[in-house]
C-alpha atoms as a PDB file:
ATOM      1  CA  GLN A   1     -12.567  40.630 -16.768  1.00  0.00           C
ATOM      2  CA  VAL A   2     -12.257  44.532 -16.577  1.00  0.00           C
ATOM      3  CA  GLN A   3      -9.303  45.935 -14.433  1.00  0.00           C
ATOM      4  CA  LEU A   4      -9.632  49.466 -13.092  1.00  0.00           C
ATOM      5  CA  VAL A   5      -6.395  51.635 -12.064  1.00  0.00           C
ATOM      6  CA  GLU A   6      -7.479  55.448 -10.779  1.00  0.00           C
ATOM      7  CA  SER A   7      -5.480  58.523 -10.592  1.00  0.00           C
ATOM      8  CA  GLY A   8      -5.825  62.098 -10.405  1.00  0.00           C
ATOM      9  CA  GLY A   9      -6.475  62.460  -6.612  1.00  0.00           C
ATOM     10  CA  GLY A  10      -4.286  65.174  -4.509  1.00  0.00           C
ATOM     11  CA  LEU A  11      -4.736  68.366  -3.161  1.00  0.00           C
ATOM     12  CA  ALA A  12      -7.258  70.792  -3.578  1.00  0.00           C
ATOM     13  CA  GLN A  13      -8.313  74.358  -2.293  1.00  0.00           C
ATOM     14  CA  ALA A  14     -12.184  74.580  -1.464  1.00  0.00           C
ATOM     15  CA  GLY A  15     -13.704  76.190  -4.606  1.00  0.00           C
ATOM     16  CA  GLY A  16     -10.982  74.099  -6.858  1.00  0.00           C
ATOM     17  CA  SER A  17     -10.941  71.379  -9.297  1.00  0.00           C
ATOM     18  CA  LEU A  18     -10.213  67.814  -9.728  1.00  0.00           C
ATOM     19  CA  ARG A  19     -10.714  65.546 -12.502  1.00  0.00           C
ATOM     20  CA  LEU A  20     -10.190  62.206 -11.614  1.00  0.00           C
ATOM     21  CA  SER A  21      -9.661  58.840 -14.415  1.00  0.00           C
ATOM     22  CA  CYS A  22     -10.073  55.763 -13.946  1.00  0.00           C
ATOM     23  CA  ALA A  23      -7.988  53.255 -16.944  1.00  0.00           C
ATOM     24  CA  ALA A  24      -9.777  49.988 -17.830  1.00  0.00           C
ATOM     25  CA  SER A  25      -8.371  46.931 -19.604  1.00  0.00           C
ATOM     26  CA  GLY A  26     -10.050  43.983 -20.629  1.00  0.00           C
ATOM     27  CA  ARG A  27     -12.464  43.778 -23.875  1.00  0.00           C
ATOM     28  CA  ALA A  28     -15.521  44.205 -21.983  1.00  0.00           C
ATOM     29  CA  PHE A  29     -15.713  47.798 -21.051  1.00  0.00           C
ATOM     30  CA  THR A  30     -18.440  48.973 -23.304  1.00  0.00           C
ATOM     31  CA  ASP A  31     -20.489  46.123 -21.570  1.00  0.00           C
ATOM     32  CA  TYR A  32     -19.795  48.010 -18.529  1.00  0.00           C
ATOM     33  CA  ALA A  33     -21.488  50.420 -16.574  1.00  0.00           C
ATOM     34  CA  PHE A  34     -19.236  52.183 -13.914  1.00  0.00           C
ATOM     35  CA  MET A  35     -19.575  53.971 -11.019  1.00  0.00           C
ATOM     36  CA  TRP A  36     -17.592  56.314  -8.392  1.00  0.00           C
ATOM     37  CA  PHE A  37     -17.707  55.930  -5.034  1.00  0.00           C
ATOM     38  CA  ARG A  38     -16.045  57.320  -2.387  1.00  0.00           C
ATOM     39  CA  GLN A  39     -14.979  56.431   1.484  1.00  0.00           C
ATOM     40  CA  ALA A  40     -13.820  58.802   4.104  1.00  0.00           C
ATOM     41  CA  PRO A  41     -12.281  57.935   6.995  1.00  0.00           C
ATOM     42  CA  GLU A  42     -14.278  55.517   9.642  1.00  0.00           C
ATOM     43  CA  LYS A  43     -17.254  56.118   7.465  1.00  0.00           C
ATOM     44  CA  GLU A  44     -19.353  54.058   4.856  1.00  0.00           C
ATOM     45  CA  ARG A  45     -18.756  53.647   1.116  1.00  0.00           C
ATOM     46  CA  ASP A  46     -21.010  56.150  -0.345  1.00  0.00           C
ATOM     47  CA  PHE A  47     -21.951  56.144  -4.241  1.00  0.00           C
ATOM     48  CA  VAL A  48     -21.627  59.033  -5.985  1.00  0.00           C
ATOM     49  CA  ALA A  49     -21.700  59.138  -9.245  1.00  0.00           C
ATOM     50  CA  ALA A  50     -22.710  56.560 -12.410  1.00  0.00           C
ATOM     51  CA  ILE A  51     -22.870  56.073 -16.544  1.00  0.00           C
ATOM     52  CA  SER A  52     -24.416  53.770 -17.926  1.00  0.00           C
ATOM     53  CA  TRP A  53     -22.887  51.465 -20.062  1.00  0.00           C
ATOM     54  CA  SER A  54     -24.329  53.394 -23.566  1.00  0.00           C
ATOM     55  CA  GLY A  55     -22.897  56.373 -21.674  1.00  0.00           C
ATOM     56  CA  THR A  56     -26.533  58.131 -22.264  1.00  0.00           C
ATOM     57  CA  SER A  57     -27.627  58.227 -18.429  1.00  0.00           C
ATOM     58  CA  THR A  58     -25.711  59.421 -15.912  1.00  0.00           C
ATOM     59  CA  TYR A  59     -26.527  59.799 -12.282  1.00  0.00           C
ATOM     60  CA  TYR A  60     -25.773  61.522  -9.196  1.00  0.00           C
ATOM     61  CA  ALA A  61     -25.255  61.724  -5.204  1.00  0.00           C
ATOM     62  CA  ASP A  62     -27.518  64.744  -4.362  1.00  0.00           C
ATOM     63  CA  SER A  63     -24.347  65.758  -2.257  1.00  0.00           C
ATOM     64  CA  VAL A  64     -22.199  66.146  -5.821  1.00  0.00           C
ATOM     65  CA  LYS A  65     -25.389  66.944  -8.355  1.00  0.00           C
ATOM     66  CA  GLY A  66     -24.380  70.381  -9.923  1.00  0.00           C
ATOM     67  CA  ARG A  67     -20.937  70.040  -9.360  1.00  0.00           C
ATOM     68  CA  PHE A  68     -19.229  66.620 -10.573  1.00  0.00           C
ATOM     69  CA  THR A  69     -19.914  65.355 -13.711  1.00  0.00           C
ATOM     70  CA  ILE A  70     -19.102  61.671 -14.651  1.00  0.00           C
ATOM     71  CA  SER A  71     -17.924  60.754 -18.323  1.00  0.00           C
ATOM     72  CA  ARG A  72     -16.720  57.555 -20.437  1.00  0.00           C
ATOM     73  CA  ASP A  73     -14.095  57.629 -23.624  1.00  0.00           C
ATOM     74  CA  ASN A  74     -14.726  54.232 -25.170  1.00  0.00           C
ATOM     75  CA  ALA A  75     -12.107  54.671 -27.031  1.00  0.00           C
ATOM     76  CA  LYS A  76      -9.635  55.205 -24.531  1.00  0.00           C
ATOM     77  CA  ASN A  77     -10.894  52.465 -22.585  1.00  0.00           C
ATOM     78  CA  THR A  78     -11.340  55.493 -19.774  1.00  0.00           C
ATOM     79  CA  VAL A  79     -14.061  56.872 -17.228  1.00  0.00           C
ATOM     80  CA  TYR A  80     -13.575  60.294 -15.653  1.00  0.00           C
ATOM     81  CA  LEU A  81     -14.734  62.217 -12.871  1.00  0.00           C
ATOM     82  CA  GLN A  82     -14.285  66.179 -13.405  1.00  0.00           C
ATOM     83  CA  MET A  83     -15.138  67.525 -10.070  1.00  0.00           C
ATOM     84  CA  ASN A  84     -15.711  71.374  -9.636  1.00  0.00           C
ATOM     85  CA  GLY A  85     -16.469  73.597  -6.638  1.00  0.00           C
ATOM     86  CA  LEU A  86     -15.011  70.962  -4.234  1.00  0.00           C
ATOM     87  CA  LYS A  87     -15.873  71.454  -0.574  1.00  0.00           C
ATOM     88  CA  PRO A  88     -13.883  69.894   2.472  1.00  0.00           C
ATOM     89  CA  GLU A  89     -16.602  67.406   2.975  1.00  0.00           C
ATOM     90  CA  ASP A  90     -15.445  65.946  -0.370  1.00  0.00           C
ATOM     91  CA  SER A  91     -12.173  64.532   1.206  1.00  0.00           C
ATOM     92  CA  ALA A  92     -12.296  61.005   0.940  1.00  0.00           C
ATOM     93  CA  VAL A  93     -10.805  57.905  -1.304  1.00  0.00           C
ATOM     94  CA  TYR A  94     -12.651  57.710  -4.542  1.00  0.00           C
ATOM     95  CA  TYR A  95     -12.864  54.580  -6.088  1.00  0.00           C
ATOM     96  CA  CYS A  96     -13.959  53.297  -9.452  1.00  0.00           C
ATOM     97  CA  ALA A  97     -16.196  49.717 -10.094  1.00  0.00           C
ATOM     98  CA  GLY A  98     -17.780  48.510 -12.903  1.00  0.00           C
ATOM     99  CA  GLY A  99     -20.578  46.171 -13.432  1.00  0.00           C
ATOM    100  CA  PRO A 100     -21.799  44.162 -16.546  1.00  0.00           C
ATOM    101  CA  PHE A 101     -24.573  46.749 -18.311  1.00  0.00           C
ATOM    102  CA  VAL A 102     -26.513  47.418 -15.214  1.00  0.00           C
ATOM    103  CA  VAL A 103     -25.917  50.850 -12.575  1.00  0.00           C
ATOM    104  CA  THR A 104     -26.216  50.033  -9.196  1.00  0.00           C
ATOM    105  CA  ARG A 105     -25.452  52.689  -6.373  1.00  0.00           C
ATOM    106  CA  LEU A 106     -24.949  49.740  -3.750  1.00  0.00           C
ATOM    107  CA  PRO A 107     -21.242  48.603  -3.282  1.00  0.00           C
ATOM    108  CA  ALA A 108     -22.014  45.339  -2.164  1.00  0.00           C
ATOM    109  CA  HIS A 109     -23.576  44.156  -5.641  1.00  0.00           C
ATOM    110  CA  LEU A 110     -19.727  45.047  -7.324  1.00  0.00           C
ATOM    111  CA  GLU A 111     -16.975  42.590  -7.662  1.00  0.00           C
ATOM    112  CA  VAL A 112     -14.472  45.161 -10.122  1.00  0.00           C
ATOM    113  CA  TRP A 113     -12.916  47.587  -8.207  1.00  0.00           C
ATOM    114  CA  GLY A 114      -9.583  50.057  -8.586  1.00  0.00           C
ATOM    115  CA  GLN A 115      -7.501  51.034  -5.962  1.00  0.00           C
ATOM    116  CA  GLY A 116      -8.943  53.794  -4.928  1.00  0.00           C
ATOM    117  CA  THR A 117      -7.752  57.518  -5.174  1.00  0.00           C
ATOM    118  CA  LEU A 118      -7.070  60.228  -2.225  1.00  0.00           C
ATOM    119  CA  VAL A 119      -8.791  63.189  -2.616  1.00  0.00           C
ATOM    120  CA  THR A 120      -8.225  65.929   0.052  1.00  0.00           C
ATOM    121  CA  VAL A 121     -10.034  69.514  -0.042  1.00  0.00           C
ATOM    122  CA  SER A 122      -8.576  72.215   2.375  1.00  0.00           C
ATOM    123  CA  SER A 123     -10.880  75.055   3.539  1.00  0.00           C
END
């Protein structure tokens, strides 16, 4: 079983950048696809980005396409979310999640989650 710990959240100004990290423990890291979701207060948890277990395929929500980049470093057992061109509407708690092999945009399909990291973007 993989366990996940996110870091890198914080306060940024509109137009700025942040890089989130998701450190994974467990032997199954290279077998897992990883996703980033976000949840703003009183809203549902929304898909942000995903990367396949091989790292060769990435997927993005339309709202972040062209601004955010997901990547993985298998040597470090870490997944990253580089966020550029931040907007106030990007403010949310960001969660890393993983599942064996299959990418999904549906949070209910995933059992492995980190604790979340808060991103706040000021205008």
